[in-house]
Amino acid sequence: MRRIDKPWGYELIWAKTDRYVGKLLHINRGEALSFQYHKRKEETIYVQSGRMRLVLEDGDGRREVILNPGEVFHIPPLMRHRFIAEETCDVFEVSTPELDDVVRLEDRYGREVKSR
C-alpha cells in the first residue's frame, strides 16, 4: 500500500495491476480535487463516509450531484469532474491503470493547469 499526501488530504493506493487500480481518497472538509478529465482513464467511485459534492461538465453543461455514504458514481473518459468534500470524506475509487492521465483545468492549490 502506498500513501500519497495531497493538498486536499491524501490517497492510499491499495491495489495496482496492469488492468486496474484501487484507491482510497481521504478528502478534508471544504477541500477539492482539481477540475479535470482523463483521456483514457475510467473510474467508479463509492462514498464510504462523509458527504461529497461532485461537479460534472459534459455536452449538456455543468451540474452538481451530492453523494452520501453508500452512493456510487461512474466517470467515463473525457467527463470533466471535481470532487469537493462537504464533510470530510473517504471515497473508494476503482479505475483503469492510467494514473498519470490527468488533464487539470482548474486547481485551488497552484498545480499546473492545461488550457481547455
Protein backbone atom coordinates (compact mmCIF):
# COMPACT_ATOMS: atom_id res chain seq x y z
CA MET A 1 0.00 0.00 0.00
CA ARG A 2 1.27 3.47 -0.87
CA ARG A 3 0.15 6.76 0.71
CA ILE A 4 0.43 9.95 -1.32
CA ASP A 5 -0.17 13.23 0.52
CA LYS A 6 -2.19 15.79 -1.44
CA PRO A 7 -3.12 19.41 -0.66
CA TRP A 8 -6.74 18.27 -0.17
CA GLY A 9 -5.93 15.23 2.02
CA TYR A 10 -4.31 12.01 0.83
CA GLU A 11 -4.78 8.93 -1.31
CA LEU A 12 -3.94 5.34 -0.48
CA ILE A 13 -3.25 3.12 -3.45
CA TRP A 14 -4.25 -0.29 -2.13
CA ALA A 15 -4.26 -2.25 -5.40
CA LYS A 16 -2.35 -1.74 -8.63
CA THR A 17 -2.11 -4.13 -11.58
CA ASP A 18 -1.72 -3.72 -15.32
CA ARG A 19 -5.55 -3.88 -15.60
CA TYR A 20 -6.94 -1.90 -12.63
CA VAL A 21 -6.14 0.35 -9.65
CA GLY A 22 -7.88 0.65 -6.28
CA LYS A 23 -7.53 3.82 -4.18
CA LEU A 24 -8.94 5.35 -1.05
CA LEU A 25 -9.26 9.15 -1.32
CA HIS A 26 -9.40 10.95 2.04
CA ILE A 27 -10.69 14.47 1.32
CA ASN A 28 -10.68 17.01 4.14
CA ARG A 29 -13.84 19.06 4.72
CA GLY A 30 -14.06 22.05 2.37
CA GLU A 31 -11.20 20.86 0.17
CA ALA A 32 -11.46 19.98 -3.53
CA LEU A 33 -9.62 17.99 -6.13
CA SER A 34 -8.78 19.64 -9.44
CA PHE A 35 -11.47 20.21 -12.02
CA GLN A 36 -10.14 17.68 -14.51
CA TYR A 37 -10.74 14.95 -17.05
CA HIS A 38 -8.98 11.83 -18.26
CA LYS A 39 -8.35 10.96 -21.90
CA ARG A 40 -8.36 7.18 -21.30
CA LYS A 41 -8.80 6.54 -17.58
CA GLU A 42 -12.23 5.33 -16.48
CA GLU A 43 -13.26 5.28 -12.83
CA THR A 44 -16.07 4.38 -10.49
CA ILE A 45 -16.26 5.91 -7.03
CA TYR A 46 -18.01 4.76 -3.86
CA VAL A 47 -18.51 7.19 -0.96
CA GLN A 48 -17.70 5.23 2.19
CA SER A 49 -18.12 8.10 4.67
CA GLY A 50 -18.84 11.82 4.70
CA ARG A 51 -20.61 13.81 2.02
CA MET A 52 -19.18 14.88 -1.31
CA ARG A 53 -20.28 17.33 -3.99
CA LEU A 54 -19.43 16.06 -7.46
CA VAL A 55 -19.16 18.78 -10.11
CA LEU A 56 -19.63 17.46 -13.65
CA GLU A 57 -19.42 19.05 -17.07
CA ASP A 58 -20.30 17.49 -20.41
CA GLY A 59 -22.14 18.45 -23.59
CA ASP A 60 -25.23 19.32 -21.51
CA GLY A 61 -23.36 21.88 -19.37
CA ARG A 62 -22.22 21.92 -15.76
CA ARG A 63 -24.17 20.24 -12.95
CA GLU A 64 -23.61 19.16 -9.37
CA VAL A 65 -24.54 15.94 -7.59
CA ILE A 66 -24.36 15.36 -3.82
CA LEU A 67 -23.09 11.89 -2.92
CA ASN A 68 -23.69 10.43 0.54
CA PRO A 69 -22.30 7.26 2.14
CA GLY A 70 -23.17 4.17 0.11
CA GLU A 71 -23.63 6.04 -3.17
CA VAL A 72 -21.72 5.22 -6.34
CA PHE A 73 -20.91 7.19 -9.48
CA HIS A 74 -19.23 6.16 -12.74
CA ILE A 75 -16.93 8.63 -14.53
CA PRO A 76 -16.15 7.70 -18.15
CA PRO A 77 -13.15 9.08 -20.06
CA LEU A 78 -13.44 12.75 -21.11
CA MET A 79 -16.08 13.65 -18.49
CA ARG A 80 -14.91 16.80 -16.70
CA HIS A 81 -15.26 16.44 -12.95
CA ARG A 82 -14.26 17.69 -9.50
CA PHE A 83 -14.75 16.20 -6.03
CA ILE A 84 -15.49 18.66 -3.19
CA ALA A 85 -15.80 17.46 0.41
CA GLU A 86 -18.92 18.94 2.02
CA GLU A 87 -17.82 16.91 5.07
CA THR A 88 -14.52 15.08 5.49
CA CYS A 89 -15.00 12.00 3.37
CA ASP A 90 -13.41 8.73 2.40
CA VAL A 91 -14.06 7.67 -1.17
CA PHE A 92 -13.06 4.39 -2.76
CA GLU A 93 -12.05 4.68 -6.40
CA VAL A 94 -11.58 1.76 -8.77
CA SER A 95 -10.17 2.67 -12.16
CA THR A 96 -8.25 1.60 -15.18
CA PRO A 97 -4.48 1.86 -14.52
CA GLU A 98 -3.63 5.16 -16.28
CA LEU A 99 -2.68 7.07 -13.10
CA ASP A 100 -0.87 9.86 -14.97
CA ASP A 101 -3.79 10.50 -17.34
CA VAL A 102 -4.96 13.78 -15.75
CA VAL A 103 -5.78 16.96 -17.64
CA ARG A 104 -6.17 19.64 -14.96
CA LEU A 105 -8.48 22.52 -15.97
CA GLU A 106 -8.74 24.39 -12.64
CA ASP A 107 -6.86 23.95 -9.37
CA ARG A 108 -7.08 25.72 -5.98
CA TYR A 109 -3.56 24.77 -4.97
CA GLY A 110 -1.45 26.24 -7.78
CA ARG A 111 -0.72 22.97 -9.55
CA GLU A 112 -0.17 23.07 -13.30
CA VAL A 113 -3.34 23.68 -15.33
CA LYS A 114 -3.80 22.87 -19.04
CA SER A 115 -5.83 25.04 -21.37
CA ARG A 116 -9.29 23.81 -22.25
